[in-house]
Amino acid sequence: MVNSANNNGLIDIETVSVDKSLTRDARIREYVRQIKDPYHFTCREYNVTVVYSKNGLKLEDCLRQIIGLYAGRQS
């Protein structure tokens, strides 16, 4: 699959496609090859930056907050 880069040079994660029949290590290598920077990419019109914090919120907690905010806007 051909990846499309936006005007910032970031790859849209929705254009990444990895063959699930590959070994785990080969899938990781293929994903990184396609996405270029696994810590900075786009998802549609949104820029995504992945950072880790030793004492920060867990991903699940962040997603719950986001879903809660989104659900609040729906009513």
C-alpha atoms as a PDB file:
ATOM      1  CA  MET A   1       0.000   0.000   0.000  1.00  0.00           C
ATOM      2  CA  VAL A   2       1.221   3.508  -0.751  1.00  0.00           C
ATOM      3  CA  ASN A   3       1.293   5.772   2.281  1.00  0.00           C
ATOM      4  CA  SER A   4       0.151   9.326   1.933  1.00  0.00           C
ATOM      5  CA  ALA A   5       2.025  12.025   3.791  1.00  0.00           C
ATOM      6  CA  ASN A   6       0.283  15.253   4.717  1.00  0.00           C
ATOM      7  CA  ASN A   7       1.822  18.670   4.186  1.00  0.00           C
ATOM      8  CA  ASN A   8       3.781  18.263   7.455  1.00  0.00           C
ATOM      9  CA  GLY A   9       5.400  15.106   6.104  1.00  0.00           C
ATOM     10  CA  LEU A  10       3.512  12.956   8.598  1.00  0.00           C
ATOM     11  CA  ILE A  11       2.003   9.643   7.536  1.00  0.00           C
ATOM     12  CA  ASP A  12      -1.724   9.071   8.017  1.00  0.00           C
ATOM     13  CA  ILE A  13      -2.046   5.892  10.080  1.00  0.00           C
ATOM     14  CA  GLU A  14      -5.145   4.959   8.103  1.00  0.00           C
ATOM     15  CA  THR A  15      -2.929   4.363   5.058  1.00  0.00           C
ATOM     16  CA  VAL A  16      -0.744   1.852   6.900  1.00  0.00           C
ATOM     17  CA  SER A  17      -1.490  -1.773   6.132  1.00  0.00           C
ATOM     18  CA  VAL A  18       0.518  -4.649   7.592  1.00  0.00           C
ATOM     19  CA  ASP A  19       0.222  -8.271   6.498  1.00  0.00           C
ATOM     20  CA  LYS A  20      -1.105 -10.190   9.506  1.00  0.00           C
ATOM     21  CA  SER A  21       0.513 -13.409   8.300  1.00  0.00           C
ATOM     22  CA  LEU A  22       3.979 -11.983   9.007  1.00  0.00           C
ATOM     23  CA  THR A  23       5.772 -12.836  12.220  1.00  0.00           C
ATOM     24  CA  ARG A  24       5.381 -10.406  15.121  1.00  0.00           C
ATOM     25  CA  ASP A  25       8.833  -8.933  14.571  1.00  0.00           C
ATOM     26  CA  ALA A  26       8.263  -8.612  10.827  1.00  0.00           C
ATOM     27  CA  ARG A  27       4.908  -6.868  11.430  1.00  0.00           C
ATOM     28  CA  ILE A  28       6.587  -4.377  13.772  1.00  0.00           C
ATOM     29  CA  ARG A  29       9.344  -3.674  11.253  1.00  0.00           C
ATOM     30  CA  GLU A  30       6.806  -3.243   8.447  1.00  0.00           C
ATOM     31  CA  TYR A  31       4.650  -0.898  10.537  1.00  0.00           C
ATOM     32  CA  VAL A  32       7.648   1.265  11.445  1.00  0.00           C
ATOM     33  CA  ARG A  33       8.842   1.242   7.813  1.00  0.00           C
ATOM     34  CA  GLN A  34       5.476   2.544   6.646  1.00  0.00           C
ATOM     35  CA  ILE A  35       4.644   4.990   9.451  1.00  0.00           C
ATOM     36  CA  LYS A  36       8.222   6.388   9.507  1.00  0.00           C
ATOM     37  CA  ASP A  37       7.846   7.899  12.998  1.00  0.00           C
ATOM     38  CA  PRO A  38       5.663   5.775  15.317  1.00  0.00           C
ATOM     39  CA  TYR A  39       5.566   8.616  17.839  1.00  0.00           C
ATOM     40  CA  HIS A  40       4.291  11.297  15.456  1.00  0.00           C
ATOM     41  CA  PHE A  41       1.731  10.660  12.729  1.00  0.00           C
ATOM     42  CA  THR A  42      -1.723  11.742  11.630  1.00  0.00           C
ATOM     43  CA  CYS A  43      -5.130  10.146  11.843  1.00  0.00           C
ATOM     44  CA  ARG A  44      -7.318  11.864   9.273  1.00  0.00           C
ATOM     45  CA  GLU A  45      -7.054  15.583  10.042  1.00  0.00           C
ATOM     46  CA  TYR A  46      -5.528  15.141  13.508  1.00  0.00           C
ATOM     47  CA  ASN A  47      -1.835  15.208  14.320  1.00  0.00           C
ATOM     48  CA  VAL A  48      -0.976  12.534  16.890  1.00  0.00           C
ATOM     49  CA  THR A  49       2.040  12.692  19.176  1.00  0.00           C
ATOM     50  CA  VAL A  50       2.705   9.705  21.404  1.00  0.00           C
ATOM     51  CA  VAL A  51       4.545  10.399  24.642  1.00  0.00           C
ATOM     52  CA  TYR A  52       5.091   8.329  27.738  1.00  0.00           C
ATOM     53  CA  SER A  53       5.233   9.547  31.284  1.00  0.00           C
ATOM     54  CA  LYS A  54       6.577   7.523  34.166  1.00  0.00           C
ATOM     55  CA  ASN A  55       3.881   8.754  36.530  1.00  0.00           C
ATOM     56  CA  GLY A  56       1.201   9.882  34.084  1.00  0.00           C
ATOM     57  CA  LEU A  57      -2.307   8.646  33.456  1.00  0.00           C
ATOM     58  CA  LYS A  58      -2.792   5.213  31.957  1.00  0.00           C
ATOM     59  CA  LEU A  59      -3.972   5.098  28.346  1.00  0.00           C
ATOM     60  CA  GLU A  60      -7.277   3.592  29.459  1.00  0.00           C
ATOM     61  CA  ASP A  61      -7.907   6.546  31.795  1.00  0.00           C
ATOM     62  CA  CYS A  62      -7.152   9.053  29.048  1.00  0.00           C
ATOM     63  CA  LEU A  63      -9.504   7.283  26.652  1.00  0.00           C
ATOM     64  CA  ARG A  64     -12.255   7.259  29.281  1.00  0.00           C
ATOM     65  CA  GLN A  65     -11.846  11.025  29.676  1.00  0.00           C
ATOM     66  CA  ILE A  66     -11.970  11.583  25.922  1.00  0.00           C
ATOM     67  CA  ILE A  67     -15.037   9.356  25.530  1.00  0.00           C
ATOM     68  CA  GLY A  68     -16.699  11.121  28.436  1.00  0.00           C
ATOM     69  CA  LEU A  69     -16.074  14.513  26.872  1.00  0.00           C
ATOM     70  CA  TYR A  70     -17.347  13.306  23.503  1.00  0.00           C
ATOM     71  CA  ALA A  71     -20.447  11.725  25.067  1.00  0.00           C
ATOM     72  CA  GLY A  72     -21.177  14.986  26.888  1.00  0.00           C
ATOM     73  CA  ARG A  73     -21.215  16.886  23.600  1.00  0.00           C
ATOM     74  CA  GLN A  74     -23.716  14.452  22.086  1.00  0.00           C
ATOM     75  CA  SER A  75     -26.543  15.379  24.472  1.00  0.00           C
END
